[in-house]
């Protein structure tokens, strides 16, 4: 049996347990951003969301900046990003988003997998897998 790093790698995703109208499982950031767009966040929650979204924008690679088709529903239907478990500094910040969802009674599950699907993008901290 393989004992390489790739074989031992586990990925984690925080997502809605139910599919949206397009058939996808909305991720934690999308769930919180949806609450914000609907005007449901308190001033404190919105300040957290804005500051942390800005932090992710500055520190985390947006796969769509490297490949504009990565999240294109026609090219890669159901594409979803997964953290590599080694990306602790990025995963730790998710707790605040989870707290906001819990306060608003929006379910969000933590999914772990050694093989989340066909990888269409990869960097040091994450993979994006096709939903096929």
Protein backbone atom coordinates (compact mmCIF):
# COMPACT_ATOMS: atom_id res chain seq x y z
CA UNK A 1 0.00 0.00 0.00
CA UNK A 2 1.17 3.55 -0.76
CA UNK A 3 2.71 5.52 2.06
CA UNK A 4 3.56 8.70 0.16
CA UNK A 5 2.45 12.16 1.23
CA UNK A 6 -0.26 12.25 -1.45
CA UNK A 7 -1.72 8.99 -0.18
CA UNK A 8 -1.87 10.37 3.36
CA UNK A 9 -3.26 13.79 2.40
CA UNK A 10 -6.73 14.57 3.65
CA UNK A 11 -8.90 17.43 2.49
CA UNK A 12 -11.61 19.32 4.37
CA UNK A 13 -14.60 21.33 3.21
CA UNK A 14 -17.21 23.27 5.15
CA UNK A 15 -20.52 23.23 3.30
CA UNK A 16 -24.28 23.16 3.45
CA UNK A 17 -25.60 19.62 3.96
CA UNK A 18 -28.25 20.27 1.29
CA UNK A 19 -27.86 21.11 -2.38
CA UNK A 20 -28.78 24.55 -3.70
CA UNK A 21 -31.08 25.16 -6.69
CA UNK A 22 -28.16 24.43 -9.07
CA UNK A 23 -27.45 21.12 -7.33
CA UNK A 24 -24.28 22.26 -5.51
CA UNK A 25 -23.39 22.23 -1.83
CA UNK A 26 -22.77 25.91 -0.98
CA UNK A 27 -19.53 26.43 0.93
CA UNK A 28 -19.18 28.22 4.26
CA UNK A 29 -18.10 31.53 2.72
CA UNK A 30 -21.00 31.51 0.27
CA UNK A 31 -23.46 30.75 3.07
CA UNK A 32 -22.26 33.72 5.15
CA UNK A 33 -22.07 35.99 2.11
CA UNK A 34 -25.69 35.04 1.28
CA UNK A 35 -26.76 36.10 4.78
CA UNK A 36 -24.92 39.40 4.30
CA UNK A 37 -26.55 40.04 0.89
CA UNK A 38 -29.95 39.40 2.48
CA UNK A 39 -29.15 41.94 5.23
CA UNK A 40 -29.35 39.39 8.06
CA UNK A 41 -25.96 39.98 9.72
CA UNK A 42 -25.53 42.11 12.82
CA UNK A 43 -23.06 45.00 12.59
CA UNK A 44 -20.51 42.89 14.50
CA UNK A 45 -21.00 39.89 12.20
CA UNK A 46 -20.70 42.06 9.11
CA UNK A 47 -17.50 43.63 10.46
CA UNK A 48 -16.08 40.13 11.05
CA UNK A 49 -17.15 38.97 7.58
CA UNK A 50 -15.68 42.02 5.83
CA UNK A 51 -12.37 41.91 7.72
CA UNK A 52 -11.92 38.17 7.25
CA UNK A 53 -13.05 38.13 3.61
CA UNK A 54 -10.46 40.87 3.02
CA UNK A 55 -7.83 38.79 4.85
CA UNK A 56 -8.59 35.74 2.69
CA UNK A 57 -8.51 37.91 -0.45
CA UNK A 58 -5.03 39.16 0.54
CA UNK A 59 -3.57 35.86 1.75
CA UNK A 60 -5.34 33.01 -0.04
CA UNK A 61 -5.09 32.23 -3.73
CA UNK A 62 -8.33 32.63 -5.66
CA UNK A 63 -8.24 29.77 -8.20
CA UNK A 64 -10.38 31.78 -10.63
CA UNK A 65 -7.57 34.33 -10.92
CA UNK A 66 -5.34 31.57 -12.32
CA UNK A 67 -8.01 29.83 -14.39
CA UNK A 68 -11.18 31.85 -15.06
CA UNK A 69 -13.04 28.67 -16.07
CA UNK A 70 -12.41 26.78 -12.82
CA UNK A 71 -15.84 27.72 -11.39
CA UNK A 72 -17.60 28.05 -14.75
CA UNK A 73 -20.78 25.98 -14.40
CA UNK A 74 -20.66 24.90 -18.05
CA UNK A 75 -16.97 23.91 -18.07
CA UNK A 76 -16.73 22.48 -14.52
CA UNK A 77 -20.25 21.94 -13.14
CA UNK A 78 -20.33 21.60 -9.39
CA UNK A 79 -16.71 22.67 -8.91
CA UNK A 80 -15.90 22.97 -5.20
CA UNK A 81 -12.83 24.05 -3.26
CA UNK A 82 -11.38 21.92 -0.48
CA UNK A 83 -8.69 22.96 2.00
CA UNK A 84 -5.64 20.78 2.39
CA UNK A 85 -5.55 19.88 6.11
CA UNK A 86 -2.05 21.34 6.24
CA UNK A 87 -3.54 24.82 5.55
CA UNK A 88 -4.21 25.35 9.26
CA UNK A 89 -3.88 29.14 9.24
CA UNK A 90 -6.73 29.30 6.70
CA UNK A 91 -8.88 26.60 8.33
CA UNK A 92 -8.66 28.18 11.81
CA UNK A 93 -10.37 31.36 10.58
CA UNK A 94 -13.41 29.37 9.43
CA UNK A 95 -14.59 29.05 13.06
CA UNK A 96 -15.88 32.63 13.08
CA UNK A 97 -17.92 31.98 9.94
CA UNK A 98 -19.31 28.78 11.50
CA UNK A 99 -20.35 30.77 14.59
CA UNK A 100 -22.28 33.22 12.43
CA UNK A 101 -24.08 30.37 10.67
CA UNK A 102 -24.88 28.71 14.00
CA UNK A 103 -26.36 31.96 15.33
CA UNK A 104 -28.63 32.16 12.29
CA UNK A 105 -29.45 28.43 12.48
CA UNK A 106 -27.95 27.78 9.03
CA UNK A 107 -26.62 24.20 8.93
CA UNK A 108 -23.02 23.70 7.83
CA UNK A 109 -21.16 20.40 7.92
CA UNK A 110 -17.48 19.58 7.95
CA UNK A 111 -16.62 17.01 5.27
CA UNK A 112 -13.25 15.25 5.18
CA UNK A 113 -11.98 13.08 2.37
CA UNK A 114 -8.67 11.61 1.22
CA UNK A 115 -10.05 11.79 -2.36
CA UNK A 116 -12.66 14.56 -2.82
CA UNK A 117 -12.89 14.10 -6.60
CA UNK A 118 -11.24 14.91 -9.90
CA UNK A 119 -8.81 17.75 -9.19
CA UNK A 120 -9.05 20.62 -11.68
CA UNK A 121 -6.91 23.10 -9.71
CA UNK A 122 -4.31 22.70 -6.97
CA UNK A 123 -1.99 24.95 -5.01
CA UNK A 124 -0.14 24.69 -1.71
CA UNK A 125 -3.28 25.14 0.41
CA UNK A 126 -6.28 23.86 -1.56
CA UNK A 127 -7.71 21.87 -4.41
CA UNK A 128 -10.76 22.50 -6.55
CA UNK A 129 -12.53 19.40 -7.72
CA UNK A 130 -15.06 19.01 -10.52
CA UNK A 131 -18.54 18.04 -9.49
CA UNK A 132 -18.87 15.36 -12.12
